[in-house]
Every structure is written in structure tokens, then in C-alpha cells.
């Protein structure tokens, strides 16, 4: 299921939240319940959080780096996204991201082949793995 993109998007694989966020993905959903359906939505593979300006996005990425996720890193002389990705709605990922496909103002994990678009209005009906 692709997730809809809006403005500036922080895309994090659910598995990374499960392994790095204190208490895992279940705790994340509980702690961020007031933001789900607002600036946060997710499918079975990806969580989308967002910001309207670069300073707020920097705060979001810094928070996830404090949990041990790696953001931008150098691979073979090229800067790429590793554990999460920042994507602009119109321009796509700001650096290459080998686990993410961005098209039609949406993002999907490379392992995801479903078509249902998840956004703020339908995220509540999604069944998610732990």
C-alpha cells in the first residue's frame, strides 16, 4: 500500500520503528495516537510523518537519529538515505533511497506490491503487523 505524500515527508520503514523505538511499533502507535490521521499515517511497510518547513523536518530526523536510526550516509562516494528517507511531494527523495519507490505523490516500500493508497483519512482502517 503506498502512502500519500504531502509537503515534506519523513518516511520510515515500520521494521525500523519496531527495532529502534522504545517498546516497538505498538508503543509508537500509542505514543503518537494524537498525530495518526493528522500528520502521521502508515501502511504495513512505511510510516509517513511530515513537516511544512526544513527546520521542522530537521527536528523530526534528529529525533529518529536519537533512537539510533541512520539518516544520510555515504555509500561508494554518494550520499544516500539509509534507515529513513526525506522526500518532497513534488521532487521525490532528497537523496537516493534504495528501498523506496516514489511516484504520483505517493511512496511505497520496494517489497510492497499493493495498490491501496493510505492517507490521513483512511489510515484508521489499516491492519498493521507488529
Protein backbone atom coordinates (compact mmCIF):
# COMPACT_ATOMS: atom_id res chain seq x y z
CA UNK A 1 0.00 0.00 0.00
CA UNK A 2 1.60 3.26 -0.95
CA UNK A 3 1.37 6.16 1.49
CA UNK A 4 0.32 9.60 0.27
CA UNK A 5 2.90 12.38 0.37
CA UNK A 6 2.27 15.97 1.49
CA UNK A 7 4.77 18.82 1.65
CA UNK A 8 7.96 17.46 3.28
CA UNK A 9 7.77 13.78 4.20
CA UNK A 10 9.78 11.66 6.60
CA UNK A 11 9.40 8.03 5.52
CA UNK A 12 10.48 5.31 7.96
CA UNK A 13 10.11 1.56 7.46
CA UNK A 14 7.81 0.02 10.09
CA UNK A 15 10.50 -2.59 10.78
CA UNK A 16 12.99 0.17 11.74
CA UNK A 17 10.49 1.66 14.19
CA UNK A 18 9.87 -1.82 15.57
CA UNK A 19 13.56 -2.38 16.25
CA UNK A 20 14.58 1.13 17.39
CA UNK A 21 11.64 2.88 19.05
CA UNK A 22 11.37 2.07 22.79
CA UNK A 23 8.60 -0.52 23.02
CA UNK A 24 8.48 -1.07 19.26
CA UNK A 25 5.84 -0.13 16.70
CA UNK A 26 3.00 -0.83 19.13
CA UNK A 27 4.37 1.73 21.59
CA UNK A 28 4.98 4.18 18.74
CA UNK A 29 1.31 3.97 17.70
CA UNK A 30 0.23 4.54 21.31
CA UNK A 31 2.60 7.47 21.90
CA UNK A 32 1.73 9.14 18.58
CA UNK A 33 -2.01 8.33 18.60
CA UNK A 34 -2.96 12.02 18.57
CA UNK A 35 -0.93 12.55 15.35
CA UNK A 36 -2.18 9.50 13.44
CA UNK A 37 -4.61 10.73 10.82
CA UNK A 38 -3.12 14.21 11.20
CA UNK A 39 0.49 14.47 10.07
CA UNK A 40 1.20 10.72 10.53
CA UNK A 41 -0.15 7.76 8.58
CA UNK A 42 1.22 4.34 7.71
CA UNK A 43 0.70 1.09 5.86
CA UNK A 44 2.17 -2.33 6.59
CA UNK A 45 5.65 -1.25 5.46
CA UNK A 46 6.09 2.50 5.89
CA UNK A 47 5.30 5.29 8.33
CA UNK A 48 4.90 8.78 6.93
CA UNK A 49 5.42 11.78 9.21
CA UNK A 50 5.60 15.26 7.83
CA UNK A 51 6.60 18.87 8.14
CA UNK A 52 5.87 22.09 6.33
CA UNK A 53 9.40 23.52 6.52
CA UNK A 54 13.00 22.30 6.62
CA UNK A 55 13.58 23.31 10.26
CA UNK A 56 10.72 21.12 11.47
CA UNK A 57 11.97 18.27 9.29
CA UNK A 58 15.40 18.62 10.85
CA UNK A 59 13.80 18.22 14.29
CA UNK A 60 12.00 15.06 13.15
CA UNK A 61 15.12 13.49 11.65
CA UNK A 62 17.12 14.39 14.76
CA UNK A 63 14.54 12.66 16.95
CA UNK A 64 14.84 9.42 14.94
CA UNK A 65 18.62 9.61 14.91
CA UNK A 66 18.46 9.85 18.72
CA UNK A 67 16.78 6.41 18.67
CA UNK A 68 19.70 5.01 16.69
CA UNK A 69 18.44 5.26 13.12
CA UNK A 70 20.92 6.44 10.50
CA UNK A 71 19.81 9.20 8.15
CA UNK A 72 22.02 10.36 5.32
CA UNK A 73 25.16 8.30 4.89
CA UNK A 74 27.85 7.93 2.26
CA UNK A 75 27.95 4.77 0.14
CA UNK A 76 30.53 4.44 -2.62
CA UNK A 77 31.15 8.19 -2.57
CA UNK A 78 27.44 9.07 -2.87
CA UNK A 79 25.19 10.41 -0.10
CA UNK A 80 22.08 8.23 0.30
CA UNK A 81 19.29 7.70 2.81
CA UNK A 82 19.75 4.63 4.98
CA UNK A 83 17.17 3.94 7.74
CA UNK A 84 14.72 6.70 6.85
CA UNK A 85 14.14 8.96 3.88
CA UNK A 86 13.12 12.59 3.43
CA UNK A 87 11.01 13.15 0.33
CA UNK A 88 9.48 16.28 -1.14
CA UNK A 89 5.99 15.78 -2.55
CA UNK A 90 6.87 17.13 -5.98
CA UNK A 91 10.56 16.24 -6.17
CA UNK A 92 10.74 12.83 -4.51
CA UNK A 93 13.55 11.74 -2.19
CA UNK A 94 16.10 14.44 -1.47
CA UNK A 95 18.84 11.77 -1.75
CA UNK A 96 18.76 8.31 -3.33
CA UNK A 97 16.86 5.76 -1.24
CA UNK A 98 17.14 2.16 -2.49
CA UNK A 99 14.17 0.77 -0.52
CA UNK A 100 11.64 3.42 -1.60
CA UNK A 101 9.63 3.97 -4.77
CA UNK A 102 8.08 7.43 -5.15
CA UNK A 103 5.52 8.11 -7.87
CA UNK A 104 2.27 10.06 -8.27
CA UNK A 105 2.74 11.90 -4.95
CA UNK A 106 2.96 8.63 -3.03
CA UNK A 107 5.68 6.37 -1.67
CA UNK A 108 5.85 2.60 -1.37
CA UNK A 109 8.39 0.17 0.01
CA UNK A 110 10.10 -1.90 -2.68
CA UNK A 111 8.69 -5.05 -1.02
CA UNK A 112 5.10 -3.75 -1.31
CA UNK A 113 3.09 -4.50 -4.45
CA UNK A 114 -0.39 -3.44 -3.30
CA UNK A 115 -2.30 -0.53 -4.80
CA UNK A 116 -4.46 0.89 -1.99
CA UNK A 117 -3.28 4.43 -1.21
CA UNK A 118 -3.11 5.19 2.52
CA UNK A 119 -3.60 8.79 3.66
CA UNK A 120 -4.83 10.72 6.68
CA UNK A 121 -8.50 9.89 6.04
CA UNK A 122 -8.24 6.09 5.78
CA UNK A 123 -5.27 5.16 7.99
CA UNK A 124 -7.57 4.11 10.86
CA UNK A 125 -8.84 1.15 8.83
CA UNK A 126 -5.42 -0.32 8.08
CA UNK A 127 -4.41 -3.59 9.71
CA UNK A 128 -0.74 -3.37 10.70
CA UNK A 129 1.74 -6.03 11.72
CA UNK A 130 3.73 -5.67 14.92
